């Protein structure tokens, strides 16, 4: 039996109110008990509600994580989502640790001391601040960016491909950029910087499908462009059917030995990081699509997500690499056909980052 209403994309909207109401109830009983100390049931009620709010926070956090993985996230909503997730994690831990402390002091009857009870109430107020900030970011996701709103998600899915965009590379003032395949395949070498600069097995030619076929005959090849970005969403339209090996959509590129990525490795989609030449895989999913697909990667702070045709495939967390450009990593045989690469800067970059054009 499905307990989620048809209008709700997941169960998270139904659960978010529970930790809020329960924690407010805990604060209320805690405050009243400061004036009616002889009423032991008030202290017991506040501790009970603090404990219950901790359990509610855990359940809500898990449902929120699942919710974020199941809805379409507009580009500029990603920073808000990252902050909302970080705040929710802090709130959950705060509630958990604080409830254990309150239980311990209650059963030891140490919270009957006036100064101890006042300090505990003030500490509890810190939880209210975290709760407010978490809820505010959650509301911003829904009411400002439309995350989880079915009508808006449907419009994202049905958004037509803009065929009127001119071919080549176009850079926006905020550091965002777009590349579109044209009739001259070799123009790729003008729009992108290639590392290494000379690849004997390089293959670049126009494809009858309207894209540009790229390969390196089993050699490692990196193509990147645009300024260094610290927070980014990149969308690549690609047909990998005639390619065998590894092809990544990369970001935060530092060198051929250090970058973040999402892409195809054999028969799987993988999300991870190459750091000092070592491959660290965060998450993966089976490759079950053929022909033209859109691969999307999001790198914002310590949050990393990989999508295929708007569906989340992989999700991971790690420390943040320094700002770096976006590009393509190829290592295999055959050719992959690419037609569009759209890079969106998710946060304001420094002037130095904007001026750092690596092409």
Protein backbone atom coordinates (compact mmCIF):
# COMPACT_ATOMS: atom_id res chain seq x y z
CA UNK A 1 0.00 0.00 0.00
CA UNK A 2 1.31 3.47 -0.97
CA UNK A 3 0.81 5.99 1.84
CA UNK A 4 2.14 8.92 -0.19
CA UNK A 5 -0.54 11.19 -1.72
CA UNK A 6 -0.54 11.60 -5.49
CA UNK A 7 0.52 15.24 -5.19
CA UNK A 8 3.61 14.41 -3.11
CA UNK A 9 6.78 13.38 -5.02
CA UNK A 10 7.98 11.47 -1.94
CA UNK A 11 7.28 11.12 1.78
CA UNK A 12 9.67 13.89 2.88
CA UNK A 13 7.07 16.74 2.66
CA UNK A 14 4.86 14.77 5.09
CA UNK A 15 7.63 14.22 7.65
CA UNK A 16 9.40 17.58 7.82
CA UNK A 17 6.84 19.06 10.21
CA UNK A 18 7.26 16.42 12.91
CA UNK A 19 10.75 17.38 14.23
CA UNK A 20 9.74 21.06 14.07
CA UNK A 21 6.56 20.68 16.12
CA UNK A 22 8.04 18.17 18.56
CA UNK A 23 11.14 20.28 19.22
CA UNK A 24 9.03 23.41 19.77
CA UNK A 25 7.00 21.37 22.26
CA UNK A 26 10.21 20.37 24.04
CA UNK A 27 11.31 24.01 24.30
CA UNK A 28 7.85 24.98 25.61
CA UNK A 29 7.87 22.37 28.41
CA UNK A 30 11.50 23.21 29.19
CA UNK A 31 10.69 26.91 29.54
CA UNK A 32 7.61 26.36 31.75
CA UNK A 33 9.57 23.99 33.98
CA UNK A 34 11.93 26.86 34.86
CA UNK A 35 9.08 28.52 36.74
CA UNK A 36 7.27 25.42 38.05
CA UNK A 37 10.19 23.39 39.34
CA UNK A 38 8.03 21.36 41.72
CA UNK A 39 6.14 19.95 38.72
CA UNK A 40 8.51 17.12 37.84
CA UNK A 41 6.29 15.99 34.98
CA UNK A 42 7.21 19.16 33.07
CA UNK A 43 10.91 18.25 33.15
CA UNK A 44 10.07 14.68 32.19
CA UNK A 45 7.89 15.96 29.29
CA UNK A 46 10.62 18.23 27.95
CA UNK A 47 13.20 15.41 28.02
CA UNK A 48 10.70 13.06 26.38
CA UNK A 49 10.00 15.56 23.59
CA UNK A 50 13.72 16.28 23.05
CA UNK A 51 14.33 12.54 22.66
CA UNK A 52 11.35 12.11 20.34
CA UNK A 53 12.52 15.05 18.22
CA UNK A 54 15.91 13.35 17.79
CA UNK A 55 14.26 10.23 16.40
CA UNK A 56 12.05 12.37 14.16
CA UNK A 57 15.14 14.23 12.89
CA UNK A 58 16.86 10.96 11.92
CA UNK A 59 13.81 9.70 10.01
CA UNK A 60 13.31 13.07 8.31
CA UNK A 61 16.98 13.31 7.34
CA UNK A 62 16.91 9.86 5.71
CA UNK A 63 13.68 10.70 3.86
CA UNK A 64 15.21 14.00 2.73
CA UNK A 65 18.29 12.27 1.35
CA UNK A 66 16.07 9.88 -0.60
CA UNK A 67 13.92 12.80 -1.75
CA UNK A 68 16.91 14.74 -3.11
CA UNK A 69 17.91 11.66 -5.08
CA UNK A 70 14.47 11.27 -6.66
CA UNK A 71 13.59 14.78 -7.93
CA UNK A 72 14.90 17.02 -10.70
CA UNK A 73 17.19 19.73 -9.33
CA UNK A 74 17.37 22.97 -11.36
CA UNK A 75 20.96 24.15 -11.80
CA UNK A 76 20.82 27.15 -9.48
CA UNK A 77 19.06 25.13 -6.76
CA UNK A 78 22.12 22.93 -6.24
CA UNK A 79 23.93 25.28 -3.80
CA UNK A 80 20.74 25.62 -1.75
CA UNK A 81 20.31 21.84 -1.75
CA UNK A 82 23.91 21.35 -0.56
CA UNK A 83 23.45 23.86 2.27
CA UNK A 84 20.08 22.33 3.20
CA UNK A 85 21.64 18.86 3.37
CA UNK A 86 24.58 20.08 5.48
CA UNK A 87 22.28 21.92 7.88
CA UNK A 88 19.97 18.90 8.16
CA UNK A 89 22.95 16.69 9.02
CA UNK A 90 24.11 19.14 11.72
CA UNK A 91 20.58 19.40 13.10
CA UNK A 92 20.22 15.63 13.30
CA UNK A 93 23.50 15.26 15.20
CA UNK A 94 22.70 18.22 17.45
CA UNK A 95 19.32 16.78 18.39
CA UNK A 96 20.81 13.33 18.97
CA UNK A 97 23.68 14.43 21.21
CA UNK A 98 21.53 16.93 23.09
CA UNK A 99 18.77 14.39 23.78
CA UNK A 100 21.32 11.91 25.19
CA UNK A 101 22.73 14.66 27.42
CA UNK A 102 19.25 15.59 28.67
CA UNK A 103 18.37 11.98 29.40
CA UNK A 104 21.59 11.48 31.36
CA UNK A 105 21.17 14.64 33.44
CA UNK A 106 17.48 13.92 34.05
CA UNK A 107 18.01 10.43 35.44
CA UNK A 108 20.95 11.68 37.51
CA UNK A 109 18.68 14.54 38.65
CA UNK A 110 21.46 17.00 37.85
CA UNK A 111 19.13 19.18 35.78
CA UNK A 112 17.21 20.24 38.90
CA UNK A 113 19.91 22.81 39.62
CA UNK A 114 18.66 26.23 38.46
CA UNK A 115 21.83 27.25 36.65
CA UNK A 116 22.17 23.87 34.94
CA UNK A 117 18.56 23.97 33.75
CA UNK A 118 18.92 27.52 32.40
CA UNK A 119 22.12 26.67 30.52
CA UNK A 120 20.48 23.56 29.08
CA UNK A 121 17.53 25.66 27.90
CA UNK A 122 19.89 28.09 26.16
CA UNK A 123 21.71 25.19 24.51
CA UNK A 124 18.33 23.89 23.38
CA UNK A 125 17.75 27.27 21.75
CA UNK A 126 20.74 26.55 19.50
CA UNK A 127 18.77 23.62 18.14
CA UNK A 128 15.93 26.01 17.29
CA UNK A 129 18.35 28.12 15.24
CA UNK A 130 19.54 25.08 13.29
CA UNK A 131 15.96 23.93 12.81
CA UNK A 132 14.94 27.35 11.46
CA UNK A 133 17.89 27.55 9.05
CA UNK A 134 17.28 24.02 7.76
CA UNK A 135 13.58 24.67 7.24
CA UNK A 136 14.26 28.00 5.53
CA UNK A 137 16.58 26.37 2.99
CA UNK A 138 14.04 23.58 2.44
CA UNK A 139 11.31 26.15 1.80
CA UNK A 140 13.61 28.00 -0.60
CA UNK A 141 14.11 24.81 -2.61
CA UNK A 142 10.37 24.39 -3.08
CA UNK A 143 9.01 27.94 -3.28
CA UNK A 144 11.89 29.67 -5.08
CA UNK A 145 13.27 26.86 -7.26
CA UNK A 146 10.24 24.57 -7.58
CA UNK A 147 12.10 21.41 -6.47
CA UNK A 148 9.63 18.55 -6.15
CA UNK A 149 6.82 20.49 -7.86
CA UNK A 150 5.43 18.12 -10.49
CA UNK A 151 4.31 20.77 -12.97
CA UNK A 152 7.77 22.35 -13.07
CA UNK A 153 9.55 18.98 -13.23
CA UNK A 154 7.42 18.02 -16.24
CA UNK A 155 8.38 21.27 -17.97
CA UNK A 156 12.08 20.48 -17.37
CA UNK A 157 11.65 17.02 -18.91
CA UNK A 158 9.80 18.39 -21.95
CA UNK A 159 12.18 21.30 -22.54
CA UNK A 160 13.10 21.19 -26.25
CA UNK A 161 16.71 21.16 -27.44
CA UNK A 162 17.62 24.62 -28.67
CA UNK A 163 18.74 23.98 -32.24
CA UNK A 164 19.26 27.71 -32.93
CA UNK A 165 22.34 27.97 -30.72
CA UNK A 166 25.38 28.83 -32.81
CA UNK A 167 28.15 26.25 -33.03
CA UNK A 168 31.43 26.74 -31.21
CA UNK A 169 32.22 28.08 -27.75
CA UNK A 170 30.28 30.88 -26.06
CA UNK A 171 31.27 32.21 -22.62
CA UNK A 172 28.97 34.05 -20.19
CA UNK A 173 30.04 36.86 -17.81
CA UNK A 174 29.49 34.66 -14.72
CA UNK A 175 31.89 31.97 -16.01
CA UNK A 176 29.19 29.69 -17.43
CA UNK A 177 29.73 28.54 -21.00
CA UNK A 178 28.34 26.40 -23.77
CA UNK A 179 29.91 24.48 -26.63
CA UNK A 180 27.98 23.16 -29.61
CA UNK A 181 29.31 20.94 -32.40
CA UNK A 182 29.64 22.51 -35.85
CA UNK A 183 30.62 21.43 -39.36
CA UNK A 184 34.36 21.81 -38.77
CA UNK A 185 35.50 18.98 -36.47
CA UNK A 186 39.00 20.39 -36.08
CA UNK A 187 37.53 23.51 -34.47
CA UNK A 188 37.42 21.41 -31.29
CA UNK A 189 41.16 21.98 -31.01
CA UNK A 190 40.54 25.74 -31.04
CA UNK A 191 37.70 25.62 -28.50
CA UNK A 192 39.39 23.18 -26.10
CA UNK A 193 42.87 22.76 -24.71
CA UNK A 194 44.18 19.24 -25.28
CA UNK A 195 46.44 17.40 -22.81
CA UNK A 196 48.83 16.01 -23.87
CA UNK A 197 49.25 18.57 -26.65
CA UNK A 198 50.22 15.91 -29.19
CA UNK A 199 48.33 12.60 -29.33
CA UNK A 200 49.50 10.45 -32.30
CA UNK A 201 46.31 8.35 -32.26
CA UNK A 202 43.92 11.31 -32.11
CA UNK A 203 40.70 10.91 -34.09
CA UNK A 204 38.34 13.85 -34.58
CA UNK A 205 35.76 13.98 -37.37
CA UNK A 206 32.18 15.05 -38.00
CA UNK A 207 29.51 12.41 -37.62
CA UNK A 208 26.40 11.95 -39.76
CA UNK A 209 24.29 12.34 -36.61
CA UNK A 210 25.32 15.99 -36.34
CA UNK A 211 27.94 15.63 -33.62
CA UNK A 212 31.70 15.28 -33.58
CA UNK A 213 33.38 11.91 -33.06
CA UNK A 214 36.35 11.91 -30.68
CA UNK A 215 38.81 9.12 -29.92
CA UNK A 216 42.46 8.55 -29.10
CA UNK A 217 43.13 4.93 -30.17
CA UNK A 218 43.68 3.58 -26.66
CA UNK A 219 45.65 6.59 -25.43
CA UNK A 220 44.77 8.96 -22.60
CA UNK A 221 43.30 12.25 -23.78
CA UNK A 222 41.90 15.24 -21.87
CA UNK A 223 40.00 18.14 -23.48
CA UNK A 224 38.97 21.06 -21.28
CA UNK A 225 37.81 24.64 -21.66
CA UNK A 226 36.40 27.67 -19.87
CA UNK A 227 37.49 29.35 -16.63
CA UNK A 228 38.23 27.63 -13.33
CA UNK A 229 34.95 27.13 -11.45
CA UNK A 230 34.50 26.17 -7.80
CA UNK A 231 30.84 25.10 -8.01
CA UNK A 232 29.53 23.70 -11.26
CA UNK A 233 26.87 21.78 -13.16
CA UNK A 234 27.88 20.34 -16.52
CA UNK A 235 25.61 18.66 -19.09
CA UNK A 236 27.11 16.66 -21.95
CA UNK A 237 25.08 15.23 -24.84
CA UNK A 238 26.92 12.14 -26.04
CA UNK A 239 26.51 8.92 -28.01
CA UNK A 240 29.07 6.42 -26.65
CA UNK A 241 27.83 3.34 -28.54
CA UNK A 242 30.95 3.06 -30.71
CA UNK A 243 33.43 3.56 -27.90
CA UNK A 244 34.92 0.99 -25.53
CA UNK A 245 36.77 2.07 -22.41
CA UNK A 246 36.52 5.07 -20.12
CA UNK A 247 34.97 8.40 -20.98
CA UNK A 248 34.38 10.95 -18.20
CA UNK A 249 32.74 14.34 -17.95
CA UNK A 250 35.31 16.00 -15.69
CA UNK A 251 35.30 19.10 -13.46
CA UNK A 252 37.61 20.79 -10.95
CA UNK A 253 40.41 19.74 -13.31
CA UNK A 254 43.88 20.29 -11.81
CA UNK A 255 45.97 17.98 -14.01
CA UNK A 256 45.60 14.65 -15.77
CA UNK A 257 46.27 13.06 -12.39
CA UNK A 258 43.78 15.08 -10.31
CA UNK A 259 40.14 15.88 -11.17
CA UNK A 260 36.54 14.97 -10.29
CA UNK A 261 34.41 13.04 -12.77
CA UNK A 262 31.19 11.32 -13.76
CA UNK A 263 30.98 9.08 -16.79
CA UNK A 264 31.25 5.67 -18.34
CA UNK A 265 33.75 2.97 -17.39
CA UNK A 266 33.02 -0.25 -19.28
CA UNK A 267 29.40 -1.22 -18.61
CA UNK A 268 28.87 1.14 -15.66
CA UNK A 269 28.30 4.79 -14.90
CA UNK A 270 30.76 5.89 -12.24
CA UNK A 271 31.17 8.96 -10.03
CA UNK A 272 34.49 9.64 -8.40
CA UNK A 273 37.80 11.43 -8.21
CA UNK A 274 41.27 10.89 -9.65
CA UNK A 275 43.68 12.31 -7.08
CA UNK A 276 47.44 12.11 -7.51
CA UNK A 277 46.84 9.35 -10.05
CA UNK A 278 44.68 7.23 -7.72
CA UNK A 279 41.06 6.48 -8.64
CA UNK A 280 38.52 6.92 -5.84
CA UNK A 281 34.99 5.75 -6.81
CA UNK A 282 32.16 7.28 -4.76
CA UNK A 283 29.23 5.50 -6.39
CA UNK A 284 28.27 3.65 -9.56
CA UNK A 285 25.30 2.34 -11.50
CA UNK A 286 24.81 -0.13 -14.33
CA UNK A 287 24.81 1.30 -17.84
CA UNK A 288 21.40 0.36 -19.23
CA UNK A 289 20.91 2.97 -21.98
CA UNK A 290 22.00 3.18 -25.59
CA UNK A 291 22.32 5.87 -28.24
CA UNK A 292 22.23 9.56 -27.42
CA UNK A 293 22.14 10.38 -23.72
CA UNK A 294 22.70 13.45 -21.57
CA UNK A 295 25.20 13.01 -18.76
CA UNK A 296 25.05 15.61 -15.99
CA UNK A 297 27.53 16.09 -13.18
CA UNK A 298 27.18 18.46 -10.23
CA UNK A 299 30.10 19.42 -8.02
CA UNK A 300 29.15 21.80 -5.24
CA UNK A 301 31.23 21.94 -2.07
CA UNK A 302 31.52 18.41 -0.70
CA UNK A 303 28.48 17.21 -2.65
CA UNK A 304 28.79 15.35 -5.97
CA UNK A 305 25.97 13.96 -8.10
CA UNK A 306 25.82 12.21 -11.46
CA UNK A 307 22.69 12.00 -13.64
CA UNK A 308 21.75 10.30 -16.90
CA UNK A 309 18.78 11.80 -18.75
CA UNK A 310 17.77 13.73 -15.56
CA UNK A 311 17.76 10.54 -13.45
CA UNK A 312 20.21 10.37 -10.54
CA UNK A 313 22.65 7.50 -11.00
CA UNK A 314 25.38 8.21 -8.43
CA UNK A 315 25.85 10.41 -5.36
CA UNK A 316 28.98 10.99 -3.28
CA UNK A 317 30.73 13.26 -0.78
CA UNK A 318 34.33 14.33 -0.33
CA UNK A 319 36.47 17.36 0.38
CA UNK A 320 36.44 20.10 -2.24
CA UNK A 321 39.19 20.41 -4.82
CA UNK A 322 40.41 23.89 -5.82
CA UNK A 323 38.46 25.56 -8.62
CA UNK A 324 39.15 24.10 -12.03
CA UNK A 325 37.80 23.96 -15.59
CA UNK A 326 35.37 21.43 -17.08
CA UNK A 327 36.14 19.00 -19.88
CA UNK A 328 36.26 15.48 -21.22
CA UNK A 329 38.53 12.55 -20.35
CA UNK A 330 38.89 9.78 -22.95
CA UNK A 331 40.84 6.53 -22.63
CA UNK A 332 39.74 3.65 -24.84
CA UNK A 333 39.19 2.45 -28.38
CA UNK A 334 36.70 3.64 -30.96
CA UNK A 335 35.02 7.05 -30.90
CA UNK A 336 32.33 8.74 -28.85
CA UNK A 337 30.13 11.34 -30.55
CA UNK A 338 29.52 14.61 -28.69
CA UNK A 339 27.22 17.45 -29.72
CA UNK A 340 26.65 19.82 -26.77
CA UNK A 341 28.38 20.69 -23.51
CA UNK A 342 26.63 23.18 -21.22
CA UNK A 343 28.51 24.36 -18.14
CA UNK A 344 26.72 26.37 -15.43
CA UNK A 345 28.56 28.25 -12.71
CA UNK A 346 26.50 27.73 -9.55
CA UNK A 347 28.14 30.35 -7.33
CA UNK A 348 29.82 33.70 -7.83
CA UNK A 349 33.45 33.21 -8.78
CA UNK A 350 36.36 35.49 -8.01
CA UNK A 351 37.61 37.80 -10.74
CA UNK A 352 40.77 35.70 -10.93
CA UNK A 353 38.71 32.59 -11.70
CA UNK A 354 36.76 34.41 -14.41
CA UNK A 355 39.93 35.64 -16.04
CA UNK A 356 41.61 32.22 -15.95
CA UNK A 357 40.72 30.98 -19.44
CA UNK A 358 42.39 27.67 -20.14
CA UNK A 359 41.89 27.48 -23.87
